[in-house]
N, C-alpha and C. Protein backbone atom coordinates (compact mmCIF):
# COMPACT_ATOMS: atom_id res chain seq x y z
N MET A 1 0.85 -1.17 0.00
CA MET A 1 0.00 0.00 0.00
C MET A 1 0.90 1.24 0.00
N THR A 2 0.61 2.21 -0.87
CA THR A 2 1.41 3.44 -0.91
C THR A 2 1.06 4.32 0.27
N GLN A 3 1.90 5.34 0.50
CA GLN A 3 1.63 6.27 1.60
C GLN A 3 0.29 6.97 1.39
N ASP A 4 -0.01 7.38 0.13
CA ASP A 4 -1.29 8.04 -0.15
C ASP A 4 -2.47 7.12 0.14
N GLU A 5 -2.34 5.83 -0.25
CA GLU A 5 -3.41 4.89 0.03
C GLU A 5 -3.58 4.68 1.53
N THR A 6 -2.47 4.62 2.26
CA THR A 6 -2.53 4.47 3.71
C THR A 6 -3.22 5.66 4.35
N LEU A 7 -2.84 6.88 3.92
CA LEU A 7 -3.48 8.08 4.46
C LEU A 7 -4.96 8.11 4.12
N THR A 8 -5.29 7.72 2.89
CA THR A 8 -6.69 7.71 2.49
C THR A 8 -7.47 6.72 3.35
N ALA A 9 -6.95 5.53 3.51
CA ALA A 9 -7.64 4.52 4.31
C ALA A 9 -7.77 4.97 5.76
N ALA A 10 -6.74 5.63 6.28
CA ALA A 10 -6.76 6.04 7.68
C ALA A 10 -7.76 7.17 7.94
N HIS A 11 -8.08 7.94 6.90
CA HIS A 11 -8.95 9.09 7.10
C HIS A 11 -10.35 8.92 6.54
N GLN A 12 -10.65 7.80 5.91
CA GLN A 12 -12.00 7.58 5.42
C GLN A 12 -12.88 7.20 6.60
N ARG A 13 -14.07 7.77 6.60
CA ARG A 13 -15.02 7.50 7.69
C ARG A 13 -16.39 7.25 7.10
N SER A 14 -17.24 6.59 7.86
CA SER A 14 -18.62 6.42 7.43
C SER A 14 -19.34 7.75 7.57
N ALA A 15 -20.50 7.86 6.95
CA ALA A 15 -21.29 9.10 7.03
C ALA A 15 -21.63 9.43 8.49
N GLU A 16 -21.89 8.42 9.29
CA GLU A 16 -22.20 8.66 10.70
C GLU A 16 -21.01 9.26 11.43
N GLU A 17 -19.81 8.78 11.14
CA GLU A 17 -18.61 9.28 11.80
C GLU A 17 -18.28 10.69 11.34
N GLU A 18 -18.57 11.01 10.07
CA GLU A 18 -18.24 12.33 9.55
C GLU A 18 -18.95 13.43 10.31
N ASP A 19 -20.19 13.18 10.71
CA ASP A 19 -20.95 14.20 11.41
C ASP A 19 -20.93 14.01 12.92
N LYS A 20 -20.08 13.13 13.40
CA LYS A 20 -20.02 12.86 14.84
C LYS A 20 -19.62 14.11 15.60
N LEU A 21 -20.35 14.38 16.64
CA LEU A 21 -20.00 15.50 17.52
C LEU A 21 -18.97 15.00 18.52
N ASP A 22 -17.83 15.66 18.59
CA ASP A 22 -16.83 15.36 19.60
C ASP A 22 -17.15 16.23 20.80
N GLY A 23 -17.70 15.63 21.85
CA GLY A 23 -18.20 16.43 22.96
C GLY A 23 -19.39 17.20 22.44
N ASP A 24 -19.53 18.44 22.87
CA ASP A 24 -20.64 19.24 22.40
C ASP A 24 -20.18 20.35 21.46
N ASN A 25 -18.89 20.41 21.15
CA ASN A 25 -18.38 21.60 20.49
C ASN A 25 -17.69 21.38 19.16
N ALA A 26 -17.70 20.19 18.58
CA ALA A 26 -16.99 20.00 17.32
C ALA A 26 -17.73 19.03 16.41
N VAL A 27 -17.68 19.34 15.12
CA VAL A 27 -18.17 18.44 14.08
C VAL A 27 -16.99 18.19 13.15
N ASN A 28 -16.62 16.93 12.96
CA ASN A 28 -15.51 16.57 12.09
C ASN A 28 -16.07 16.01 10.79
N VAL A 29 -15.63 16.58 9.68
CA VAL A 29 -16.16 16.21 8.37
C VAL A 29 -15.01 15.82 7.45
N THR A 30 -15.09 14.63 6.88
CA THR A 30 -14.12 14.22 5.88
C THR A 30 -14.69 14.54 4.51
N LEU A 31 -13.94 15.32 3.72
CA LEU A 31 -14.30 15.64 2.35
C LEU A 31 -13.43 14.81 1.43
N THR A 32 -14.03 14.24 0.40
CA THR A 32 -13.29 13.41 -0.55
C THR A 32 -13.39 14.02 -1.93
N ALA A 33 -12.24 14.23 -2.57
CA ALA A 33 -12.17 14.76 -3.93
C ALA A 33 -12.01 13.60 -4.90
N THR A 34 -12.93 13.50 -5.87
CA THR A 34 -12.86 12.45 -6.88
C THR A 34 -12.95 13.07 -8.27
N LEU A 35 -12.30 12.44 -9.22
CA LEU A 35 -12.20 12.93 -10.58
C LEU A 35 -13.12 12.12 -11.48
N ASN A 36 -13.94 12.82 -12.29
CA ASN A 36 -14.78 12.19 -13.29
C ASN A 36 -14.58 12.97 -14.58
N GLY A 37 -13.81 12.42 -15.50
CA GLY A 37 -13.44 13.17 -16.70
C GLY A 37 -12.46 14.26 -16.30
N SER A 38 -12.85 15.52 -16.52
CA SER A 38 -11.99 16.64 -16.11
C SER A 38 -12.62 17.45 -14.99
N VAL A 39 -13.66 16.88 -14.34
CA VAL A 39 -14.36 17.58 -13.27
C VAL A 39 -14.11 16.87 -11.94
N ILE A 40 -13.70 17.66 -10.95
CA ILE A 40 -13.47 17.13 -9.61
C ILE A 40 -14.67 17.47 -8.75
N THR A 41 -15.22 16.45 -8.11
CA THR A 41 -16.35 16.61 -7.21
C THR A 41 -15.89 16.38 -5.78
N ILE A 42 -16.36 17.24 -4.89
CA ILE A 42 -16.05 17.12 -3.46
C ILE A 42 -17.31 16.59 -2.77
N THR A 43 -17.16 15.49 -2.05
CA THR A 43 -18.29 14.93 -1.32
C THR A 43 -17.96 14.83 0.16
N GLY A 44 -19.02 14.85 0.97
CA GLY A 44 -18.89 14.75 2.41
C GLY A 44 -20.25 15.01 3.03
N SER A 45 -20.30 15.02 4.31
CA SER A 45 -21.55 15.22 5.03
C SER A 45 -21.37 16.35 6.03
N GLY A 46 -21.39 17.60 5.52
CA GLY A 46 -21.10 18.76 6.35
C GLY A 46 -22.30 19.56 6.78
N GLY A 47 -23.51 19.09 6.47
CA GLY A 47 -24.70 19.75 6.98
C GLY A 47 -24.88 19.35 8.44
N ALA A 48 -25.51 20.18 9.21
CA ALA A 48 -25.73 19.86 10.62
C ALA A 48 -26.89 20.68 11.16
N THR A 49 -27.48 20.20 12.23
CA THR A 49 -28.48 20.95 12.97
C THR A 49 -27.92 21.17 14.37
N LEU A 50 -27.71 22.45 14.72
CA LEU A 50 -27.18 22.78 16.04
C LEU A 50 -28.35 23.13 16.96
N PRO A 51 -28.50 22.41 18.05
CA PRO A 51 -29.63 22.65 18.95
C PRO A 51 -29.59 24.03 19.59
N LYS A 52 -30.76 24.50 19.96
CA LYS A 52 -30.88 25.78 20.67
C LYS A 52 -30.06 25.72 21.95
N ASP A 53 -29.36 26.81 22.25
CA ASP A 53 -28.56 26.99 23.46
C ASP A 53 -27.40 26.00 23.59
N SER A 54 -26.95 25.44 22.46
CA SER A 54 -25.82 24.51 22.52
C SER A 54 -24.48 25.22 22.38
N GLY A 55 -24.50 26.52 22.09
CA GLY A 55 -23.26 27.28 22.00
C GLY A 55 -22.55 27.11 20.69
N ALA A 56 -21.37 27.69 20.63
CA ALA A 56 -20.56 27.66 19.41
C ALA A 56 -20.06 26.24 19.14
N THR A 57 -19.93 25.93 17.85
CA THR A 57 -19.45 24.62 17.43
C THR A 57 -18.34 24.81 16.41
N GLN A 58 -17.24 24.11 16.61
CA GLN A 58 -16.12 24.12 15.66
C GLN A 58 -16.38 23.07 14.59
N PHE A 59 -16.27 23.45 13.32
CA PHE A 59 -16.37 22.52 12.21
C PHE A 59 -14.96 22.31 11.66
N ASN A 60 -14.52 21.06 11.63
CA ASN A 60 -13.17 20.69 11.17
C ASN A 60 -13.30 19.83 9.92
N PHE A 61 -12.64 20.24 8.84
CA PHE A 61 -12.73 19.54 7.56
C PHE A 61 -11.37 18.96 7.20
N THR A 62 -11.36 17.69 6.82
CA THR A 62 -10.18 17.00 6.35
C THR A 62 -10.42 16.64 4.89
N LEU A 63 -9.50 17.02 4.02
CA LEU A 63 -9.65 16.79 2.58
C LEU A 63 -8.81 15.60 2.15
N ILE A 64 -9.47 14.58 1.61
CA ILE A 64 -8.81 13.41 1.04
C ILE A 64 -8.88 13.58 -0.48
N ASP A 65 -7.74 13.78 -1.10
CA ASP A 65 -7.66 14.06 -2.53
C ASP A 65 -7.25 12.80 -3.28
N ASN A 66 -8.20 12.22 -4.01
CA ASN A 66 -7.95 11.00 -4.78
C ASN A 66 -7.77 11.29 -6.27
N THR A 67 -7.44 12.55 -6.62
CA THR A 67 -7.48 12.95 -8.02
C THR A 67 -6.13 13.04 -8.71
N GLY A 68 -5.06 13.27 -7.97
CA GLY A 68 -3.78 13.55 -8.58
C GLY A 68 -3.64 14.98 -9.08
N PHE A 69 -4.63 15.84 -8.80
CA PHE A 69 -4.62 17.23 -9.25
C PHE A 69 -4.33 18.23 -8.14
N ASN A 70 -3.86 17.76 -7.00
CA ASN A 70 -3.47 18.64 -5.89
C ASN A 70 -4.57 19.62 -5.50
N VAL A 71 -5.73 19.09 -5.17
CA VAL A 71 -6.86 19.92 -4.76
C VAL A 71 -6.54 20.57 -3.42
N LYS A 72 -6.84 21.88 -3.32
CA LYS A 72 -6.59 22.65 -2.10
C LYS A 72 -7.79 23.50 -1.75
N PHE A 73 -7.97 23.73 -0.45
CA PHE A 73 -8.96 24.72 0.01
C PHE A 73 -8.51 26.09 -0.48
N ALA A 74 -9.45 26.91 -0.98
CA ALA A 74 -9.11 28.25 -1.46
C ALA A 74 -9.76 29.33 -0.60
N SER A 75 -11.06 29.21 -0.34
CA SER A 75 -11.77 30.23 0.44
C SER A 75 -13.13 29.67 0.85
N LEU A 76 -13.82 30.42 1.69
CA LEU A 76 -15.16 30.03 2.15
C LEU A 76 -16.13 31.16 1.85
N ASP A 77 -17.26 30.81 1.26
CA ASP A 77 -18.39 31.73 1.11
C ASP A 77 -19.41 31.32 2.15
N ALA A 78 -20.07 32.30 2.80
CA ALA A 78 -21.05 31.98 3.83
C ALA A 78 -22.09 33.09 3.92
N ALA A 79 -23.32 32.72 4.27
CA ALA A 79 -24.40 33.70 4.43
C ALA A 79 -25.38 33.22 5.49
N ASP A 80 -25.84 34.15 6.32
CA ASP A 80 -26.84 33.87 7.35
C ASP A 80 -28.25 34.00 6.78
N ASN A 81 -29.17 33.22 7.38
CA ASN A 81 -30.59 33.32 7.04
C ASN A 81 -30.78 33.19 5.54
N SER A 82 -30.12 32.19 4.97
CA SER A 82 -30.10 32.02 3.52
C SER A 82 -30.41 30.57 3.18
N THR A 83 -31.11 30.39 2.07
CA THR A 83 -31.33 29.05 1.56
C THR A 83 -30.67 28.88 0.20
N ALA A 84 -29.96 29.92 -0.26
CA ALA A 84 -29.28 29.87 -1.56
C ALA A 84 -28.10 28.92 -1.48
N CYS A 85 -28.04 27.98 -2.42
CA CYS A 85 -26.91 27.06 -2.51
C CYS A 85 -26.35 27.15 -3.91
N PRO A 86 -25.16 27.61 -4.10
CA PRO A 86 -24.25 28.10 -3.07
C PRO A 86 -24.64 29.50 -2.60
N PRO A 87 -24.10 29.92 -1.45
CA PRO A 87 -24.38 31.27 -0.96
C PRO A 87 -23.68 32.31 -1.83
N PRO A 88 -24.02 33.58 -1.65
CA PRO A 88 -23.30 34.63 -2.38
C PRO A 88 -21.81 34.58 -2.04
N SER A 89 -21.00 35.08 -2.95
CA SER A 89 -19.55 35.07 -2.77
C SER A 89 -19.14 35.91 -1.56
N GLY A 90 -18.15 35.43 -0.81
CA GLY A 90 -17.61 36.17 0.33
C GLY A 90 -18.12 35.65 1.66
N GLU A 91 -17.49 36.12 2.72
CA GLU A 91 -17.88 35.74 4.09
C GLU A 91 -18.92 36.75 4.57
N ASN A 92 -20.19 36.42 4.35
CA ASN A 92 -21.32 37.30 4.67
C ASN A 92 -22.11 36.76 5.85
N SER A 93 -21.42 36.25 6.85
CA SER A 93 -22.07 35.59 7.97
C SER A 93 -21.55 36.12 9.30
N GLN A 94 -22.47 36.39 10.22
CA GLN A 94 -22.10 36.70 11.60
C GLN A 94 -22.00 35.41 12.42
N GLN A 95 -22.55 34.33 11.88
CA GLN A 95 -22.55 33.05 12.59
C GLN A 95 -21.26 32.27 12.34
N ILE A 96 -20.76 32.29 11.11
CA ILE A 96 -19.54 31.56 10.78
C ILE A 96 -18.37 32.53 10.87
N THR A 97 -17.43 32.20 11.76
CA THR A 97 -16.26 33.05 11.99
C THR A 97 -15.02 32.17 12.13
N GLY A 98 -13.87 32.82 12.20
CA GLY A 98 -12.62 32.10 12.48
C GLY A 98 -12.25 31.10 11.41
N VAL A 99 -12.44 31.45 10.15
CA VAL A 99 -12.12 30.55 9.05
C VAL A 99 -10.60 30.33 9.02
N ASN A 100 -10.22 29.05 8.92
CA ASN A 100 -8.79 28.72 8.83
C ASN A 100 -8.58 27.65 7.79
N ILE A 101 -7.46 27.76 7.06
CA ILE A 101 -7.12 26.83 5.99
C ILE A 101 -5.66 26.39 6.18
N HIS A 102 -5.45 25.09 6.09
CA HIS A 102 -4.11 24.51 6.27
C HIS A 102 -3.82 23.58 5.09
N ASN A 103 -3.28 24.15 4.00
CA ASN A 103 -2.98 23.37 2.80
C ASN A 103 -1.56 22.82 2.77
N ASN A 104 -0.71 23.23 3.70
CA ASN A 104 0.69 22.80 3.69
C ASN A 104 0.93 21.61 4.59
N GLN A 105 0.01 20.67 4.57
CA GLN A 105 0.13 19.45 5.37
C GLN A 105 -0.64 18.35 4.66
N THR A 106 -0.43 17.12 5.07
CA THR A 106 -1.17 15.99 4.53
C THR A 106 -1.83 15.26 5.68
N PRO A 107 -3.14 15.11 5.69
CA PRO A 107 -4.07 15.65 4.71
C PRO A 107 -4.28 17.15 4.91
N LYS A 108 -4.80 17.80 3.88
CA LYS A 108 -5.12 19.23 3.98
C LYS A 108 -6.34 19.37 4.89
N MET A 109 -6.36 20.48 5.66
CA MET A 109 -7.46 20.69 6.62
C MET A 109 -7.92 22.14 6.58
N ALA A 110 -9.15 22.35 7.01
CA ALA A 110 -9.71 23.70 7.13
C ALA A 110 -10.79 23.65 8.20
N GLY A 111 -11.26 24.82 8.60
CA GLY A 111 -12.31 24.83 9.60
C GLY A 111 -12.88 26.21 9.82
N PHE A 112 -13.89 26.26 10.66
CA PHE A 112 -14.50 27.51 11.09
C PHE A 112 -15.31 27.24 12.35
N THR A 113 -15.73 28.31 13.00
CA THR A 113 -16.62 28.21 14.14
C THR A 113 -17.99 28.72 13.74
N ASP A 114 -19.03 27.97 14.06
CA ASP A 114 -20.41 28.44 13.93
C ASP A 114 -20.83 28.90 15.31
N ASN A 115 -21.07 30.19 15.47
CA ASN A 115 -21.39 30.76 16.78
C ASN A 115 -22.74 30.32 17.33
N ASN A 116 -23.66 29.92 16.45
CA ASN A 116 -25.01 29.50 16.87
C ASN A 116 -25.59 30.50 17.87
N SER A 117 -25.45 31.79 17.54
CA SER A 117 -25.85 32.85 18.48
C SER A 117 -27.03 33.67 17.99
N ASN A 118 -27.69 33.22 16.93
CA ASN A 118 -28.89 33.93 16.47
C ASN A 118 -29.97 33.86 17.54
N ASN A 119 -30.92 34.77 17.47
CA ASN A 119 -32.01 34.84 18.44
C ASN A 119 -32.96 33.66 18.23
N ALA A 120 -32.99 32.73 19.18
CA ALA A 120 -33.80 31.53 19.07
C ALA A 120 -35.29 31.86 19.01
N ALA A 121 -35.70 33.01 19.55
CA ALA A 121 -37.11 33.40 19.52
C ALA A 121 -37.60 33.59 18.08
N ASN A 122 -36.69 33.85 17.16
CA ASN A 122 -37.06 34.01 15.75
C ASN A 122 -37.10 32.69 14.99
N GLY A 123 -36.87 31.59 15.68
CA GLY A 123 -36.86 30.28 15.05
C GLY A 123 -35.49 29.93 14.52
N PRO A 124 -35.34 28.71 14.02
CA PRO A 124 -34.05 28.27 13.49
C PRO A 124 -33.60 29.13 12.31
N MET A 125 -32.30 29.26 12.16
CA MET A 125 -31.71 30.03 11.06
C MET A 125 -30.90 29.10 10.17
N SER A 126 -31.13 29.18 8.86
CA SER A 126 -30.30 28.45 7.91
C SER A 126 -29.05 29.27 7.63
N VAL A 127 -27.90 28.62 7.76
CA VAL A 127 -26.61 29.24 7.46
C VAL A 127 -26.00 28.42 6.33
N THR A 128 -25.86 29.05 5.16
CA THR A 128 -25.28 28.34 4.03
C THR A 128 -23.79 28.67 3.95
N TYR A 129 -23.03 27.68 3.53
CA TYR A 129 -21.61 27.91 3.33
C TYR A 129 -21.14 27.08 2.15
N ALA A 130 -20.06 27.52 1.53
CA ALA A 130 -19.48 26.78 0.41
C ALA A 130 -17.97 26.91 0.47
N TRP A 131 -17.30 25.77 0.52
CA TRP A 131 -15.85 25.77 0.38
C TRP A 131 -15.53 25.86 -1.09
N ASN A 132 -14.61 26.75 -1.44
CA ASN A 132 -14.07 26.87 -2.80
C ASN A 132 -12.71 26.21 -2.81
N PHE A 133 -12.35 25.61 -3.94
CA PHE A 133 -11.11 24.86 -4.05
C PHE A 133 -10.35 25.28 -5.30
N THR A 134 -9.06 25.02 -5.30
CA THR A 134 -8.23 25.16 -6.49
C THR A 134 -7.62 23.80 -6.78
N CYS A 135 -7.12 23.65 -8.01
CA CYS A 135 -6.43 22.42 -8.36
C CYS A 135 -5.45 22.72 -9.50
N ASN A 136 -4.60 21.76 -9.79
CA ASN A 136 -3.64 21.90 -10.89
C ASN A 136 -4.38 22.02 -12.22
N PRO A 137 -3.74 22.63 -13.23
CA PRO A 137 -4.36 22.74 -14.55
C PRO A 137 -4.74 21.37 -15.11
N GLY A 138 -5.82 21.36 -15.90
CA GLY A 138 -6.28 20.13 -16.53
C GLY A 138 -7.60 19.63 -15.99
N ALA A 139 -8.05 20.25 -14.91
CA ALA A 139 -9.34 19.87 -14.32
C ALA A 139 -9.97 21.10 -13.68
N THR A 140 -11.26 21.01 -13.43
CA THR A 140 -11.96 22.04 -12.65
C THR A 140 -12.55 21.36 -11.43
N VAL A 141 -12.62 22.10 -10.35
CA VAL A 141 -13.12 21.52 -9.10
C VAL A 141 -14.37 22.28 -8.66
N ASN A 142 -15.41 21.52 -8.34
CA ASN A 142 -16.68 22.11 -7.89
C ASN A 142 -16.62 22.55 -6.44
N GLN A 143 -17.52 23.46 -6.07
CA GLN A 143 -17.67 23.87 -4.67
C GLN A 143 -18.29 22.73 -3.87
N TYR A 144 -18.15 22.85 -2.56
CA TYR A 144 -18.84 21.96 -1.61
C TYR A 144 -19.73 22.86 -0.79
N ASP A 145 -21.08 22.70 -0.87
CA ASP A 145 -21.98 23.70 -0.30
C ASP A 145 -23.19 23.14 0.46
N PRO A 146 -22.99 22.70 1.70
CA PRO A 146 -24.12 22.26 2.55
C PRO A 146 -24.74 23.42 3.33
N VAL A 147 -25.70 23.08 4.19
CA VAL A 147 -26.41 24.06 5.01
C VAL A 147 -26.37 23.61 6.46
N ILE A 148 -26.18 24.58 7.37
CA ILE A 148 -26.26 24.33 8.81
C ILE A 148 -27.53 25.00 9.31
N THR A 149 -28.27 24.32 10.15
CA THR A 149 -29.45 24.91 10.78
C THR A 149 -29.07 25.25 12.22
N ASN A 150 -29.07 26.56 12.52
CA ASN A 150 -28.73 27.02 13.86
C ASN A 150 -30.00 27.16 14.70
N GLY A 151 -30.00 26.53 15.88
CA GLY A 151 -31.10 26.69 16.81
C GLY A 151 -31.05 28.04 17.53
N GLY A 152 -29.86 28.61 17.64
CA GLY A 152 -29.68 29.91 18.26
C GLY A 152 -29.61 29.85 19.77
N LYS A 153 -29.75 31.03 20.38
CA LYS A 153 -29.69 31.11 21.84
C LYS A 153 -30.89 31.91 22.36
N THR A 154 -31.29 31.57 23.58
CA THR A 154 -32.41 32.27 24.20
C THR A 154 -31.91 33.39 25.08
């Protein structure tokens, strides 16, 4: 088994494990990049429902690149109270903060904090986000764009 295959095997998780809450404050999501023709698709299970009064939650993303095109995290687009997928370009969210990207390691990782601080009296809030990626020439890589439902705080 090559080092890449070993790393891939070590970091692959079931859908249940991808959304597993570590304690009450973290969601770990494995994203997998796969190549179909010249298009790279990113898959994972990064949607979540954060309960009311559960506080801020850290979202940690691990990228497993099976393409040979050196896929990297580029930026995050995010918007509060939105159902648009993908959200408008840019970080337009008061809920998603602390965006961090670590492309100089294997596997590549990124993350952010969802404050879950919207007013719960107004009901749940949809927070859309989309990771943007870059890759080597010869392919294009799609966004990864799930939705988080924030219960907020009372």
